[in-house]
Amino acid sequence: MKPYFYLFSIEINLYKFFFGVALCSVPVVLFLLRKRFEFTKKQAAFYSGFTLAFGLVAAYLTAVFKKAMLSYAMGSSYVESEKLRNYGIPIFLPIFLFLYCIIRKEDFRKLSDYIAPCVYTVMTFVKTGCIFGGCCYGRPDEHGIWNENLGYRTFPVQLYDTMTSILIVIICIILIRKIREKRSGYIYPIGGILFALTKGFWEFFREHPIEQEKSYMNTGFTLWQYWMLALFIACVIWIVILRLREKSSDRK
């Protein structure tokens, strides 16, 4: 774990660096995929801006809801130092996209397939920043990685989280190549289910300095595992609705 990198005596915060890389990955991924989705460069640029703008809004909303949930659980006002939290991006972003598609009368299935890989690419790079920054750390582990901020070794949960996020990106791209032409609209919810399962699993190995975040409402499950449960349920319902509509269309 190395929070800072020095380039020509300039101190670079590696977490912020990878956060910047995460933002830059959005237009890169969408421009690489635009021909497969038959979008123009202008459309790709617009959807890149849309994803970035509402992705940041989603991260802000996540921080707001986290503060409200912890304040409720603690019975007092919780002071949140961070203004952005990335966990809620996969949950909130498709809501904004759905509203946009209703207003503009655009194809929500196609657009959700289109943005799916870049959403989980962002999650991958942000978590890579956590590896170097030492945040979102795992439980104390004498065989783990050294955490300079804490002064002891921790289980490398950020590394494993990053690896599973990369795998989800790869699966989304494979699905775009294999099934999108036959079944549009499935890529995002499939990625969401995989993200919820893997992120929820790694939460068992994370350490949370706030007890109510570690065991929300004293249930034994972390605050973020409840978020992942909500994402999982939402994505399952999404797929069920798609399947019901397909069956209804077949009958007609």
Foldseek 3Di string as FASTA:
>chain_A
DAQWDADPNDTDGLLVVLLVVLLVVLLVLLVVCCVLLVHDNVVSVVLSVLLSVVQQVQQQVVQVVVQVQVCVQVVHGDDDPDRGHNLRSLPRSLVVLVVVCVVVVHDSLSSLLSRQLSSLSSVLSSLVSCQNNVPQFFDFDQPADQRPVVGGGTHSLSVVLNVLSVVLSVVSVVCSVPPCVPQTRLSSLVSLLSNLVSVQVSLVGTDDPDVCQCQPSVPNGGPSNVVSVVSNVVSVVSVVVSVVVVVVVVVD
